[in-house]
Amino acid sequence: RDLAQRAHARGLRILGATLTPFAGALPGTPLDDYYAADKDALRQRLNAWLRTDSPFDAVIDLDAALRDPADPSRMAAAYDSGDHLHPGDAGNRAMAEAVDLDVLMGPSTHGVDLPRR
């Protein structure tokens, strides 16, 4: 919050993004234990804060864009690059489509407006 306040005081607009799901990440690698339920709980708490109480001017919900509706701790198969951590081409497209340009370039809730191009 302090960093956001200092950035806003200097006329900077701040954007945030939620963390994407990662259950099953990096199978068959030395990091195949990367996912843990407590890490996912922390990710979910952080995402809830970003969506409701963060000091950002806008939040892009990448979690909502990529998660599997049947298992929100996992990336939807259609968006997965295969390692269950990084999105593939369709996932990158879904993340780009999750960016609302009006919100991205719109008026700041903190008095900082970016010029439209």
PDB file of N, CA and C in Angstrom:
ATOM      1  N   ARG A   1       0.825  -1.195   0.000  1.00  0.00           N
ATOM      2  CA  ARG A   1       0.000   0.000   0.000  1.00  0.00           C
ATOM      3  C   ARG A   1       0.867   1.254   0.000  1.00  0.00           C
ATOM      4  N   ASP A   2       1.976   1.209   0.766  1.00  0.00           N
ATOM      5  CA  ASP A   2       2.876   2.352   0.812  1.00  0.00           C
ATOM      6  C   ASP A   2       3.492   2.618  -0.560  1.00  0.00           C
ATOM      7  N   LEU A   3       3.953   1.559  -1.226  1.00  0.00           N
ATOM      8  CA  LEU A   3       4.535   1.733  -2.557  1.00  0.00           C
ATOM      9  C   LEU A   3       3.495   2.280  -3.531  1.00  0.00           C
ATOM     10  N   ALA A   4       2.268   1.794  -3.446  1.00  0.00           N
ATOM     11  CA  ALA A   4       1.210   2.295  -4.328  1.00  0.00           C
ATOM     12  C   ALA A   4       0.943   3.768  -4.055  1.00  0.00           C
ATOM     13  N   GLN A   5       0.893   4.125  -2.792  1.00  0.00           N
ATOM     14  CA  GLN A   5       0.653   5.521  -2.438  1.00  0.00           C
ATOM     15  C   GLN A   5       1.779   6.410  -2.971  1.00  0.00           C
ATOM     16  N   ARG A   6       3.009   5.949  -2.819  1.00  0.00           N
ATOM     17  CA  ARG A   6       4.141   6.733  -3.321  1.00  0.00           C
ATOM     18  C   ARG A   6       4.113   6.838  -4.845  1.00  0.00           C
ATOM     19  N   ALA A   7       3.751   5.770  -5.517  1.00  0.00           N
ATOM     20  CA  ALA A   7       3.654   5.811  -6.982  1.00  0.00           C
ATOM     21  C   ALA A   7       2.557   6.768  -7.417  1.00  0.00           C
ATOM     22  N   HIS A   8       1.398   6.685  -6.771  1.00  0.00           N
ATOM     23  CA  HIS A   8       0.299   7.592  -7.111  1.00  0.00           C
ATOM     24  C   HIS A   8       0.692   9.046  -6.870  1.00  0.00           C
ATOM     25  N   ALA A   9       1.430   9.302  -5.818  1.00  0.00           N
ATOM     26  CA  ALA A   9       1.864  10.669  -5.520  1.00  0.00           C
ATOM     27  C   ALA A   9       2.772  11.217  -6.621  1.00  0.00           C
ATOM     28  N   ARG A  10       3.396  10.328  -7.369  1.00  0.00           N
ATOM     29  CA  ARG A  10       4.278  10.747  -8.469  1.00  0.00           C
ATOM     30  C   ARG A  10       3.573  10.684  -9.825  1.00  0.00           C
ATOM     31  N   GLY A  11       2.257  10.492  -9.788  1.00  0.00           N
ATOM     32  CA  GLY A  11       1.491  10.503 -11.025  1.00  0.00           C
ATOM     33  C   GLY A  11       1.496   9.205 -11.801  1.00  0.00           C
ATOM     34  N   LEU A  12       1.887   8.123 -11.158  1.00  0.00           N
ATOM     35  CA  LEU A  12       1.902   6.830 -11.832  1.00  0.00           C
ATOM     36  C   LEU A  12       0.604   6.088 -11.596  1.00  0.00           C
ATOM     37  N   ARG A  13       0.147   5.420 -12.611  1.00  0.00           N
ATOM     38  CA  ARG A  13      -1.040   4.573 -12.528  1.00  0.00           C
ATOM     39  C   ARG A  13      -0.558   3.148 -12.332  1.00  0.00           C
ATOM     40  N   ILE A  14      -1.224   2.373 -11.490  1.00  0.00           N
ATOM     41  CA  ILE A  14      -0.776   1.027 -11.139  1.00  0.00           C
ATOM     42  C   ILE A  14      -1.820   0.001 -11.552  1.00  0.00           C
ATOM     43  N   LEU A  15      -1.350  -1.012 -12.275  1.00  0.00           N
ATOM     44  CA  LEU A  15      -2.206  -2.114 -12.683  1.00  0.00           C
ATOM     45  C   LEU A  15      -1.717  -3.381 -12.012  1.00  0.00           C
ATOM     46  N   GLY A  16      -2.634  -4.245 -11.657  1.00  0.00           N
ATOM     47  CA  GLY A  16      -2.275  -5.525 -11.060  1.00  0.00           C
ATOM     48  C   GLY A  16      -2.927  -6.647 -11.844  1.00  0.00           C
ATOM     49  N   ALA A  17      -2.509  -7.846 -11.560  1.00  0.00           N
ATOM     50  CA  ALA A  17      -3.097  -9.026 -12.197  1.00  0.00           C
ATOM     51  C   ALA A  17      -3.126 -10.161 -11.184  1.00  0.00           C
ATOM     52  N   THR A  18      -4.188 -10.934 -11.229  1.00  0.00           N
ATOM     53  CA  THR A  18      -4.294 -12.087 -10.344  1.00  0.00           C
ATOM     54  C   THR A  18      -3.316 -13.174 -10.777  1.00  0.00           C
ATOM     55  N   LEU A  19      -3.006 -14.046  -9.846  1.00  0.00           N
ATOM     56  CA  LEU A  19      -2.135 -15.186 -10.121  1.00  0.00           C
ATOM     57  C   LEU A  19      -2.961 -16.338 -10.676  1.00  0.00           C
ATOM     58  N   THR A  20      -2.418 -17.004 -11.671  1.00  0.00           N
ATOM     59  CA  THR A  20      -3.136 -18.078 -12.352  1.00  0.00           C
ATOM     60  C   THR A  20      -3.016 -19.398 -11.584  1.00  0.00           C
ATOM     61  N   PRO A  21      -3.960 -20.310 -11.829  1.00  0.00           N
ATOM     62  CA  PRO A  21      -3.920 -21.609 -11.155  1.00  0.00           C
ATOM     63  C   PRO A  21      -2.725 -22.445 -11.611  1.00  0.00           C
ATOM     64  N   PHE A  22      -2.264 -23.354 -10.721  1.00  0.00           N
ATOM     65  CA  PHE A  22      -1.066 -24.108 -11.054  1.00  0.00           C
ATOM     66  C   PHE A  22      -1.052 -25.536 -10.508  1.00  0.00           C
ATOM     67  N   ALA A  23      -2.199 -26.081 -10.178  1.00  0.00           N
ATOM     68  CA  ALA A  23      -2.227 -27.462  -9.686  1.00  0.00           C
ATOM     69  C   ALA A  23      -1.642 -28.399 -10.736  1.00  0.00           C
ATOM     70  N   GLY A  24      -0.808 -29.314 -10.288  1.00  0.00           N
ATOM     71  CA  GLY A  24      -0.182 -30.287 -11.172  1.00  0.00           C
ATOM     72  C   GLY A  24       1.003 -29.752 -11.947  1.00  0.00           C
ATOM     73  N   ALA A  25       1.488 -28.575 -11.592  1.00  0.00           N
ATOM     74  CA  ALA A  25       2.543 -27.907 -12.355  1.00  0.00           C
ATOM     75  C   ALA A  25       3.842 -28.701 -12.381  1.00  0.00           C
ATOM     76  N   LEU A  26       4.482 -28.633 -13.515  1.00  0.00           N
ATOM     77  CA  LEU A  26       5.842 -29.137 -13.754  1.00  0.00           C
ATOM     78  C   LEU A  26       6.011 -30.622 -13.477  1.00  0.00           C
ATOM     79  N   PRO A  27       5.082 -31.452 -13.985  1.00  0.00           N
ATOM     80  CA  PRO A  27       5.201 -32.890 -13.752  1.00  0.00           C
ATOM     81  C   PRO A  27       6.448 -33.454 -14.428  1.00  0.00           C
ATOM     82  N   GLY A  28       7.066 -34.433 -13.781  1.00  0.00           N
ATOM     83  CA  GLY A  28       8.223 -35.103 -14.350  1.00  0.00           C
ATOM     84  C   GLY A  28       9.494 -34.274 -14.359  1.00  0.00           C
ATOM     85  N   THR A  29       9.504 -33.183 -13.601  1.00  0.00           N
ATOM     86  CA  THR A  29      10.699 -32.347 -13.510  1.00  0.00           C
ATOM     87  C   THR A  29      11.178 -32.346 -12.056  1.00  0.00           C
ATOM     88  N   PRO A  30      12.361 -31.821 -11.807  1.00  0.00           N
ATOM     89  CA  PRO A  30      12.800 -31.713 -10.403  1.00  0.00           C
ATOM     90  C   PRO A  30      11.868 -30.845  -9.558  1.00  0.00           C
ATOM     91  N   LEU A  31      11.016 -30.060 -10.202  1.00  0.00           N
ATOM     92  CA  LEU A  31      10.077 -29.202  -9.471  1.00  0.00           C
ATOM     93  C   LEU A  31       8.652 -29.753  -9.517  1.00  0.00           C
ATOM     94  N   ASP A  32       8.501 -31.076  -9.679  1.00  0.00           N
ATOM     95  CA  ASP A  32       7.155 -31.629  -9.796  1.00  0.00           C
ATOM     96  C   ASP A  32       6.349 -31.530  -8.508  1.00  0.00           C
ATOM     97  N   ASP A  33       6.977 -31.099  -7.430  1.00  0.00           N
ATOM     98  CA  ASP A  33       6.249 -30.842  -6.182  1.00  0.00           C
ATOM     99  C   ASP A  33       5.975 -29.343  -5.996  1.00  0.00           C
ATOM    100  N   TYR A  34       6.046 -28.586  -7.079  1.00  0.00           N
ATOM    101  CA  TYR A  34       5.864 -27.127  -7.045  1.00  0.00           C
ATOM    102  C   TYR A  34       4.510 -26.747  -6.456  1.00  0.00           C
ATOM    103  N   TYR A  35       3.460 -27.470  -6.835  1.00  0.00           N
ATOM    104  CA  TYR A  35       2.126 -27.182  -6.309  1.00  0.00           C
ATOM    105  C   TYR A  35       1.984 -27.752  -4.902  1.00  0.00           C
ATOM    106  N   ALA A  36       1.349 -26.981  -4.043  1.00  0.00           N
ATOM    107  CA  ALA A  36       0.960 -27.445  -2.709  1.00  0.00           C
ATOM    108  C   ALA A  36      -0.338 -26.737  -2.340  1.00  0.00           C
ATOM    109  N   ALA A  37      -1.188 -27.422  -1.624  1.00  0.00           N
ATOM    110  CA  ALA A  37      -2.489 -26.855  -1.257  1.00  0.00           C
ATOM    111  C   ALA A  37      -2.342 -25.536  -0.499  1.00  0.00           C
ATOM    112  N   ASP A  38      -1.337 -25.431   0.373  1.00  0.00           N
ATOM    113  CA  ASP A  38      -1.168 -24.188   1.128  1.00  0.00           C
ATOM    114  C   ASP A  38      -0.726 -23.039   0.209  1.00  0.00           C
ATOM    115  N   LYS A  39       0.075 -23.347  -0.813  1.00  0.00           N
ATOM    116  CA  LYS A  39       0.447 -22.314  -1.788  1.00  0.00           C
ATOM    117  C   LYS A  39      -0.784 -21.844  -2.557  1.00  0.00           C
ATOM    118  N   ASP A  40      -1.653 -22.794  -2.919  1.00  0.00           N
ATOM    119  CA  ASP A  40      -2.854 -22.415  -3.660  1.00  0.00           C
ATOM    120  C   ASP A  40      -3.798 -21.597  -2.781  1.00  0.00           C
ATOM    121  N   ALA A  41      -3.879 -21.930  -1.516  1.00  0.00           N
ATOM    122  CA  ALA A  41      -4.709 -21.146  -0.598  1.00  0.00           C
ATOM    123  C   ALA A  41      -4.181 -19.712  -0.508  1.00  0.00           C
ATOM    124  N   LEU A  42      -2.862 -19.570  -0.454  1.00  0.00           N
ATOM    125  CA  LEU A  42      -2.263 -18.236  -0.438  1.00  0.00           C
ATOM    126  C   LEU A  42      -2.569 -17.496  -1.744  1.00  0.00           C
ATOM    127  N   ARG A  43      -2.455 -18.187  -2.887  1.00  0.00           N
ATOM    128  CA  ARG A  43      -2.779 -17.590  -4.187  1.00  0.00           C
ATOM    129  C   ARG A  43      -4.228 -17.101  -4.190  1.00  0.00           C
ATOM    130  N   GLN A  44      -5.127 -17.911  -3.686  1.00  0.00           N
ATOM    131  CA  GLN A  44      -6.538 -17.529  -3.662  1.00  0.00           C
ATOM    132  C   GLN A  44      -6.786 -16.332  -2.748  1.00  0.00           C
ATOM    133  N   ARG A  45      -6.114 -16.289  -1.593  1.00  0.00           N
ATOM    134  CA  ARG A  45      -6.260 -15.128  -0.697  1.00  0.00           C
ATOM    135  C   ARG A  45      -5.713 -13.863  -1.352  1.00  0.00           C
ATOM    136  N   LEU A  46      -4.556 -13.975  -2.002  1.00  0.00           N
ATOM    137  CA  LEU A  46      -3.986 -12.828  -2.696  1.00  0.00           C
ATOM    138  C   LEU A  46      -4.923 -12.357  -3.806  1.00  0.00           C
ATOM    139  N   ASN A  47      -5.455 -13.284  -4.582  1.00  0.00           N
ATOM    140  CA  ASN A  47      -6.365 -12.908  -5.660  1.00  0.00           C
ATOM    141  C   ASN A  47      -7.621 -12.229  -5.119  1.00  0.00           C
ATOM    142  N   ALA A  48      -8.148 -12.728  -4.010  1.00  0.00           N
ATOM    143  CA  ALA A  48      -9.326 -12.093  -3.407  1.00  0.00           C
ATOM    144  C   ALA A  48      -9.002 -10.663  -2.995  1.00  0.00           C
ATOM    145  N   TRP A  49      -7.830 -10.457  -2.406  1.00  0.00           N
ATOM    146  CA  TRP A  49      -7.415  -9.109  -2.016  1.00  0.00           C
ATOM    147  C   TRP A  49      -7.278  -8.217  -3.241  1.00  0.00           C
ATOM    148  N   LEU A  50      -6.643  -8.735  -4.281  1.00  0.00           N
ATOM    149  CA  LEU A  50      -6.480  -7.946  -5.508  1.00  0.00           C
ATOM    150  C   LEU A  50      -7.829  -7.512  -6.062  1.00  0.00           C
ATOM    151  N   ARG A  51      -8.795  -8.413  -6.044  1.00  0.00           N
ATOM    152  CA  ARG A  51     -10.111  -8.122  -6.612  1.00  0.00           C
ATOM    153  C   ARG A  51     -10.924  -7.153  -5.766  1.00  0.00           C
ATOM    154  N   THR A  52     -10.680  -7.112  -4.462  1.00  0.00           N
ATOM    155  CA  THR A  52     -11.583  -6.358  -3.592  1.00  0.00           C
ATOM    156  C   THR A  52     -10.974  -5.193  -2.845  1.00  0.00           C
ATOM    157  N   ASP A  53      -9.680  -5.257  -2.522  1.00  0.00           N
ATOM    158  CA  ASP A  53      -9.150  -4.259  -1.598  1.00  0.00           C
ATOM    159  C   ASP A  53      -7.768  -3.742  -1.960  1.00  0.00           C
ATOM    160  N   SER A  54      -7.300  -4.032  -3.146  1.00  0.00           N
ATOM    161  CA  SER A  54      -5.942  -3.613  -3.498  1.00  0.00           C
ATOM    162  C   SER A  54      -5.917  -2.131  -3.868  1.00  0.00           C
ATOM    163  N   PRO A  55      -4.753  -1.518  -3.807  1.00  0.00           N
ATOM    164  CA  PRO A  55      -4.633  -0.093  -4.134  1.00  0.00           C
ATOM    165  C   PRO A  55      -4.433   0.172  -5.629  1.00  0.00           C
ATOM    166  N   PHE A  56      -4.623  -0.849  -6.461  1.00  0.00           N
ATOM    167  CA  PHE A  56      -4.372  -0.698  -7.885  1.00  0.00           C
ATOM    168  C   PHE A  56      -5.490   0.068  -8.582  1.00  0.00           C
ATOM    169  N   ASP A  57      -5.142   0.702  -9.682  1.00  0.00           N
ATOM    170  CA  ASP A  57      -6.127   1.426 -10.486  1.00  0.00           C
ATOM    171  C   ASP A  57      -6.988   0.472 -11.299  1.00  0.00           C
ATOM    172  N   ALA A  58      -6.449  -0.672 -11.625  1.00  0.00           N
ATOM    173  CA  ALA A  58      -7.188  -1.725 -12.328  1.00  0.00           C
ATOM    174  C   ALA A  58      -6.524  -3.057 -12.011  1.00  0.00           C
ATOM    175  N   VAL A  59      -7.330  -4.113 -12.031  1.00  0.00           N
ATOM    176  CA  VAL A  59      -6.828  -5.466 -11.828  1.00  0.00           C
ATOM    177  C   VAL A  59      -7.322  -6.316 -12.989  1.00  0.00           C
ATOM    178  N   ILE A  60      -6.397  -6.992 -13.634  1.00  0.00           N
ATOM    179  CA  ILE A  60      -6.719  -7.900 -14.725  1.00  0.00           C
ATOM    180  C   ILE A  60      -6.832  -9.291 -14.122  1.00  0.00           C
ATOM    181  N   ASP A  61      -7.978  -9.918 -14.293  1.00  0.00           N
ATOM    182  CA  ASP A  61      -8.237 -11.195 -13.626  1.00  0.00           C
ATOM    183  C   ASP A  61      -7.793 -12.362 -14.512  1.00  0.00           C
ATOM    184  N   LEU A  62      -6.493 -12.633 -14.485  1.00  0.00           N
ATOM    185  CA  LEU A  62      -5.936 -13.735 -15.277  1.00  0.00           C
ATOM    186  C   LEU A  62      -6.370 -15.083 -14.719  1.00  0.00           C
ATOM    187  N   ASP A  63      -6.590 -15.163 -13.421  1.00  0.00           N
ATOM    188  CA  ASP A  63      -7.080 -16.391 -12.796  1.00  0.00           C
ATOM    189  C   ASP A  63      -8.425 -16.772 -13.412  1.00  0.00           C
ATOM    190  N   ALA A  64      -9.347 -15.829 -13.454  1.00  0.00           N
ATOM    191  CA  ALA A  64     -10.671 -16.114 -14.020  1.00  0.00           C
ATOM    192  C   ALA A  64     -10.579 -16.457 -15.500  1.00  0.00           C
ATOM    193  N   ALA A  65      -9.648 -15.848 -16.198  1.00  0.00           N
ATOM    194  CA  ALA A  65      -9.512 -16.085 -17.634  1.00  0.00           C
ATOM    195  C   ALA A  65      -8.997 -17.491 -17.939  1.00  0.00           C
ATOM    196  N   LEU A  66      -8.159 -18.048 -17.065  1.00  0.00           N
ATOM    197  CA  LEU A  66      -7.494 -19.315 -17.383  1.00  0.00           C
ATOM    198  C   LEU A  66      -7.958 -20.529 -16.599  1.00  0.00           C
ATOM    199  N   ARG A  67      -8.623 -20.337 -15.476  1.00  0.00           N
ATOM    200  CA  ARG A  67      -8.915 -21.487 -14.614  1.00  0.00           C
ATOM    201  C   ARG A  67      -9.946 -22.435 -15.242  1.00  0.00           C
ATOM    202  N   ASP A  68      -9.845 -23.673 -14.824  1.00  0.00           N
ATOM    203  CA  ASP A  68     -10.785 -24.713 -15.235  1.00  0.00           C
ATOM    204  C   ASP A  68     -12.019 -24.586 -14.347  1.00  0.00           C
ATOM    205  N   PRO A  69     -13.189 -24.338 -14.921  1.00  0.00           N
ATOM    206  CA  PRO A  69     -14.389 -24.179 -14.084  1.00  0.00           C
ATOM    207  C   PRO A  69     -14.678 -25.406 -13.214  1.00  0.00           C
ATOM    208  N   ALA A  70     -14.302 -26.586 -13.682  1.00  0.00           N
ATOM    209  CA  ALA A  70     -14.545 -27.809 -12.913  1.00  0.00           C
ATOM    210  C   ALA A  70     -13.537 -27.992 -11.786  1.00  0.00           C
ATOM    211  N   ASP A  71     -12.362 -27.356 -11.899  1.00  0.00           N
ATOM    212  CA  ASP A  71     -11.324 -27.452 -10.867  1.00  0.00           C
ATOM    213  C   ASP A  71     -10.534 -26.151 -10.878  1.00  0.00           C
ATOM    214  N   PRO A  72     -10.996 -25.138 -10.132  1.00  0.00           N
ATOM    215  CA  PRO A  72     -10.368 -23.808 -10.172  1.00  0.00           C
ATOM    216  C   PRO A  72      -8.907 -23.754  -9.740  1.00  0.00           C
ATOM    217  N   SER A  73      -8.383 -24.838  -9.188  1.00  0.00           N
ATOM    218  CA  SER A  73      -6.966 -24.846  -8.835  1.00  0.00           C
ATOM    219  C   SER A  73      -6.090 -25.221 -10.035  1.00  0.00           C
ATOM    220  N   ARG A  74      -6.736 -25.598 -11.145  1.00  0.00           N
ATOM    221  CA  ARG A  74      -6.023 -25.997 -12.364  1.00  0.00           C
ATOM    222  C   ARG A  74      -6.315 -25.045 -13.508  1.00  0.00           C
ATOM    223  N   MET A  75      -5.352 -24.911 -14.392  1.00  0.00           N
ATOM    224  CA  MET A  75      -5.547 -24.169 -15.627  1.00  0.00           C
ATOM    225  C   MET A  75      -6.401 -25.034 -16.558  1.00  0.00           C
ATOM    226  N   ALA A  76      -7.331 -24.417 -17.255  1.00  0.00           N
ATOM    227  CA  ALA A  76      -8.146 -25.148 -18.221  1.00  0.00           C
ATOM    228  C   ALA A  76      -7.235 -25.774 -19.274  1.00  0.00           C
ATOM    229  N   ALA A  77      -7.505 -27.008 -19.624  1.00  0.00           N
ATOM    230  CA  ALA A  77      -6.651 -27.751 -20.556  1.00  0.00           C
ATOM    231  C   ALA A  77      -6.455 -26.999 -21.868  1.00  0.00           C
ATOM    232  N   ALA A  78      -7.477 -26.323 -22.332  1.00  0.00           N
ATOM    233  CA  ALA A  78      -7.378 -25.601 -23.606  1.00  0.00           C
ATOM    234  C   ALA A  78      -6.349 -24.480 -23.560  1.00  0.00           C
ATOM    235  N   TYR A  79      -6.028 -24.003 -22.371  1.00  0.00           N
ATOM    236  CA  TYR A  79      -5.102 -22.870 -22.221  1.00  0.00           C
ATOM    237  C   TYR A  79      -3.707 -23.285 -21.768  1.00  0.00           C
ATOM    238  N   ASP A  80      -3.538 -24.536 -21.425  1.00  0.00           N
ATOM    239  CA  ASP A  80      -2.303 -25.048 -20.830  1.00  0.00           C
ATOM    240  C   ASP A  80      -1.247 -25.309 -21.907  1.00  0.00           C
ATOM    241  N   SER A  81      -0.010 -24.903 -21.637  1.00  0.00           N
ATOM    242  CA  SER A  81       1.101 -25.193 -22.562  1.00  0.00           C
ATOM    243  C   SER A  81       1.532 -26.649 -22.464  1.00  0.00           C
ATOM    244  N   GLY A  82       1.102 -27.314 -21.411  1.00  0.00           N
ATOM    245  CA  GLY A  82       1.474 -28.707 -21.195  1.00  0.00           C
ATOM    246  C   GLY A  82       2.176 -28.923 -19.871  1.00  0.00           C
ATOM    247  N   ASP A  83       2.700 -27.853 -19.279  1.00  0.00           N
ATOM    248  CA  ASP A  83       3.390 -28.017 -17.993  1.00  0.00           C
ATOM    249  C   ASP A  83       2.498 -27.646 -16.808  1.00  0.00           C
ATOM    250  N   HIS A  84       1.257 -27.267 -17.082  1.00  0.00           N
ATOM    251  CA  HIS A  84       0.250 -26.924 -16.059  1.00  0.00           C
ATOM    252  C   HIS A  84       0.620 -25.686 -15.248  1.00  0.00           C
ATOM    253  N   LEU A  85       1.589 -24.915 -15.748  1.00  0.00           N
ATOM    254  CA  LEU A  85       1.997 -23.680 -15.084  1.00  0.00           C
ATOM    255  C   LEU A  85       1.932 -22.496 -16.044  1.00  0.00           C
ATOM    256  N   HIS A  86       2.414 -22.697 -17.247  1.00  0.00           N
ATOM    257  CA  HIS A  86       2.463 -21.620 -18.242  1.00  0.00           C
ATOM    258  C   HIS A  86       1.375 -21.810 -19.289  1.00  0.00           C
ATOM    259  N   PRO A  87       0.719 -20.725 -19.685  1.00  0.00           N
ATOM    260  CA  PRO A  87      -0.293 -20.851 -20.739  1.00  0.00           C
ATOM    261  C   PRO A  87       0.366 -21.064 -22.099  1.00  0.00           C
ATOM    262  N   GLY A  88      -0.372 -21.728 -22.972  1.00  0.00           N
ATOM    263  CA  GLY A  88       0.040 -21.857 -24.360  1.00  0.00           C
ATOM    264  C   GLY A  88      -0.522 -20.700 -25.170  1.00  0.00           C
ATOM    265  N   ASP A  89      -0.513 -20.836 -26.487  1.00  0.00           N
ATOM    266  CA  ASP A  89      -0.989 -19.755 -27.354  1.00  0.00           C
ATOM    267  C   ASP A  89      -2.434 -19.371 -27.042  1.00  0.00           C
ATOM    268  N   ALA A  90      -3.306 -20.360 -26.883  1.00  0.00           N
ATOM    269  CA  ALA A  90      -4.715 -20.059 -26.579  1.00  0.00           C
ATOM    270  C   ALA A  90      -4.843 -19.390 -25.215  1.00  0.00           C
ATOM    271  N   GLY A  91      -4.018 -19.793 -24.262  1.00  0.00           N
ATOM    272  CA  GLY A  91      -4.037 -19.168 -22.945  1.00  0.00           C
ATOM    273  C   GLY A  91      -3.559 -17.727 -22.999  1.00  0.00           C
ATOM    274  N   ASN A  92      -2.515 -17.475 -23.779  1.00  0.00           N
ATOM    275  CA  ASN A  92      -2.040 -16.096 -23.944  1.00  0.00           C
ATOM    276  C   ASN A  92      -3.113 -15.241 -24.606  1.00  0.00           C
ATOM    277  N   ARG A  93      -3.818 -15.806 -25.558  1.00  0.00           N
ATOM    278  CA  ARG A  93      -4.923 -15.080 -26.206  1.00  0.00           C
ATOM    279  C   ARG A  93      -6.029 -14.777 -25.185  1.00  0.00           C
ATOM    280  N   ALA A  94      -6.350 -15.766 -24.347  1.00  0.00           N
ATOM    281  CA  ALA A  94      -7.388 -15.569 -23.326  1.00  0.00           C
ATOM    282  C   ALA A  94      -6.983 -14.488 -22.336  1.00  0.00           C
ATOM    283  N   MET A  95      -5.695 -14.453 -21.971  1.00  0.00           N
ATOM    284  CA  MET A  95      -5.234 -13.405 -21.060  1.00  0.00           C
ATOM    285  C   MET A  95      -5.327 -12.032 -21.728  1.00  0.00           C
ATOM    286  N   ALA A  96      -4.952 -11.944 -22.989  1.00  0.00           N
ATOM    287  CA  ALA A  96      -5.046 -10.667 -23.702  1.00  0.00           C
ATOM    288  C   ALA A  96      -6.493 -10.213 -23.780  1.00  0.00           C
ATOM    289  N   GLU A  97      -7.399 -11.144 -24.017  1.00  0.00           N
ATOM    290  CA  GLU A  97      -8.813 -10.801 -24.104  1.00  0.00           C
ATOM    291  C   GLU A  97      -9.397 -10.414 -22.750  1.00  0.00           C
ATOM    292  N   ALA A  98      -8.726 -10.799 -21.669  1.00  0.00           N
ATOM    293  CA  ALA A  98      -9.190 -10.438 -20.321  1.00  0.00           C
ATOM    294  C   ALA A  98      -8.900  -8.978 -19.991  1.00  0.00           C
ATOM    295  N   VAL A  99      -8.091  -8.332 -20.802  1.00  0.00           N
ATOM    296  CA  VAL A  99      -7.751  -6.926 -20.569  1.00  0.00           C
ATOM    297  C   VAL A  99      -8.828  -6.049 -21.188  1.00  0.00           C
ATOM    298  N   ASP A 100      -9.565  -5.362 -20.340  1.00  0.00           N
ATOM    299  CA  ASP A 100     -10.579  -4.404 -20.782  1.00  0.00           C
ATOM    300  C   ASP A 100      -9.866  -3.082 -21.043  1.00  0.00           C
ATOM    301  N   LEU A 101      -9.773  -2.698 -22.313  1.00  0.00           N
ATOM    302  CA  LEU A 101      -9.018  -1.494 -22.658  1.00  0.00           C
ATOM    303  C   LEU A 101      -9.624  -0.233 -22.046  1.00  0.00           C
ATOM    304  N   ASP A 102     -10.933  -0.198 -21.874  1.00  0.00           N
ATOM    305  CA  ASP A 102     -11.550   0.968 -21.229  1.00  0.00           C
ATOM    306  C   ASP A 102     -11.108   1.075 -19.776  1.00  0.00           C
ATOM    307  N   VAL A 103     -11.008  -0.060 -19.093  1.00  0.00           N
ATOM    308  CA  VAL A 103     -10.531  -0.059 -17.711  1.00  0.00           C
ATOM    309  C   VAL A 103      -9.039   0.235 -17.693  1.00  0.00           C
ATOM    310  N   LEU A 104      -8.321  -0.369 -18.614  1.00  0.00           N
ATOM    311  CA  LEU A 104      -6.878  -0.184 -18.678  1.00  0.00           C
ATOM    312  C   LEU A 104      -6.507   1.275 -18.874  1.00  0.00           C
ATOM    313  N   MET A 105      -7.185   1.949 -19.767  1.00  0.00           N
ATOM    314  CA  MET A 105      -6.841   3.329 -20.105  1.00  0.00           C
ATOM    315  C   MET A 105      -7.795   4.349 -19.490  1.00  0.00           C
ATOM    316  N   GLY A 106      -8.792   3.887 -18.750  1.00  0.00           N
ATOM    317  CA  GLY A 106      -9.799   4.777 -18.203  1.00  0.00           C
ATOM    318  C   GLY A 106      -9.307   5.607 -17.039  1.00  0.00           C
ATOM    319  N   PRO A 107     -10.216   6.372 -16.470  1.00  0.00           N
ATOM    320  CA  PRO A 107      -9.837   7.244 -15.359  1.00  0.00           C
ATOM    321  C   PRO A 107      -9.378   6.443 -14.147  1.00  0.00           C
ATOM    322  N   SER A 108      -8.427   6.996 -13.477  1.00  0.00           N
ATOM    323  CA  SER A 108      -7.881   6.381 -12.279  1.00  0.00           C
ATOM    324  C   SER A 108      -8.809   6.612 -11.100  1.00  0.00           C
ATOM    325  N   THR A 109      -8.815   5.660 -10.208  1.00  0.00           N
ATOM    326  CA  THR A 109      -9.543   5.844  -8.951  1.00  0.00           C
ATOM    327  C   THR A 109      -8.683   6.624  -7.965  1.00  0.00           C
ATOM    328  N   HIS A 110      -7.443   6.946  -8.393  1.00  0.00           N
ATOM    329  CA  HIS A 110      -6.505   7.649  -7.516  1.00  0.00           C
ATOM    330  C   HIS A 110      -6.066   8.983  -8.112  1.00  0.00           C
ATOM    331  N   GLY A 111      -6.828   9.496  -9.084  1.00  0.00           N
ATOM    332  CA  GLY A 111      -6.526  10.806  -9.634  1.00  0.00           C
ATOM    333  C   GLY A 111      -5.422  10.835 -10.670  1.00  0.00           C
ATOM    334  N   VAL A 112      -5.056   9.674 -11.223  1.00  0.00           N
ATOM    335  CA  VAL A 112      -4.004   9.606 -12.227  1.00  0.00           C
ATOM    336  C   VAL A 112      -4.625   9.054 -13.510  1.00  0.00           C
ATOM    337  N   ASP A 113      -4.679   9.853 -14.539  1.00  0.00           N
ATOM    338  CA  ASP A 113      -5.265   9.407 -15.801  1.00  0.00           C
ATOM    339  C   ASP A 113      -4.177   9.321 -16.864  1.00  0.00           C
ATOM    340  N   LEU A 114      -4.225   8.234 -17.635  1.00  0.00           N
ATOM    341  CA  LEU A 114      -3.275   8.045 -18.718  1.00  0.00           C
ATOM    342  C   LEU A 114      -3.875   8.583 -20.010  1.00  0.00           C
ATOM    343  N   PRO A 115      -3.052   9.175 -20.875  1.00  0.00           N
ATOM    344  CA  PRO A 115      -3.577   9.646 -22.155  1.00  0.00           C
ATOM    345  C   PRO A 115      -3.941   8.470 -23.045  1.00  0.00           C
ATOM    346  N   ARG A 116      -5.002   8.611 -23.808  1.00  0.00           N
ATOM    347  CA  ARG A 116      -5.404   7.579 -24.768  1.00  0.00           C
ATOM    348  C   ARG A 116      -4.607   7.810 -26.044  1.00  0.00           C
ATOM    349  N   ARG A 117      -4.220   6.755 -26.688  1.00  0.00           N
ATOM    350  CA  ARG A 117      -3.476   6.856 -27.947  1.00  0.00           C
ATOM    351  C   ARG A 117      -4.348   6.545 -29.115  1.00  0.00           C
TER     352      ARG A 117
END
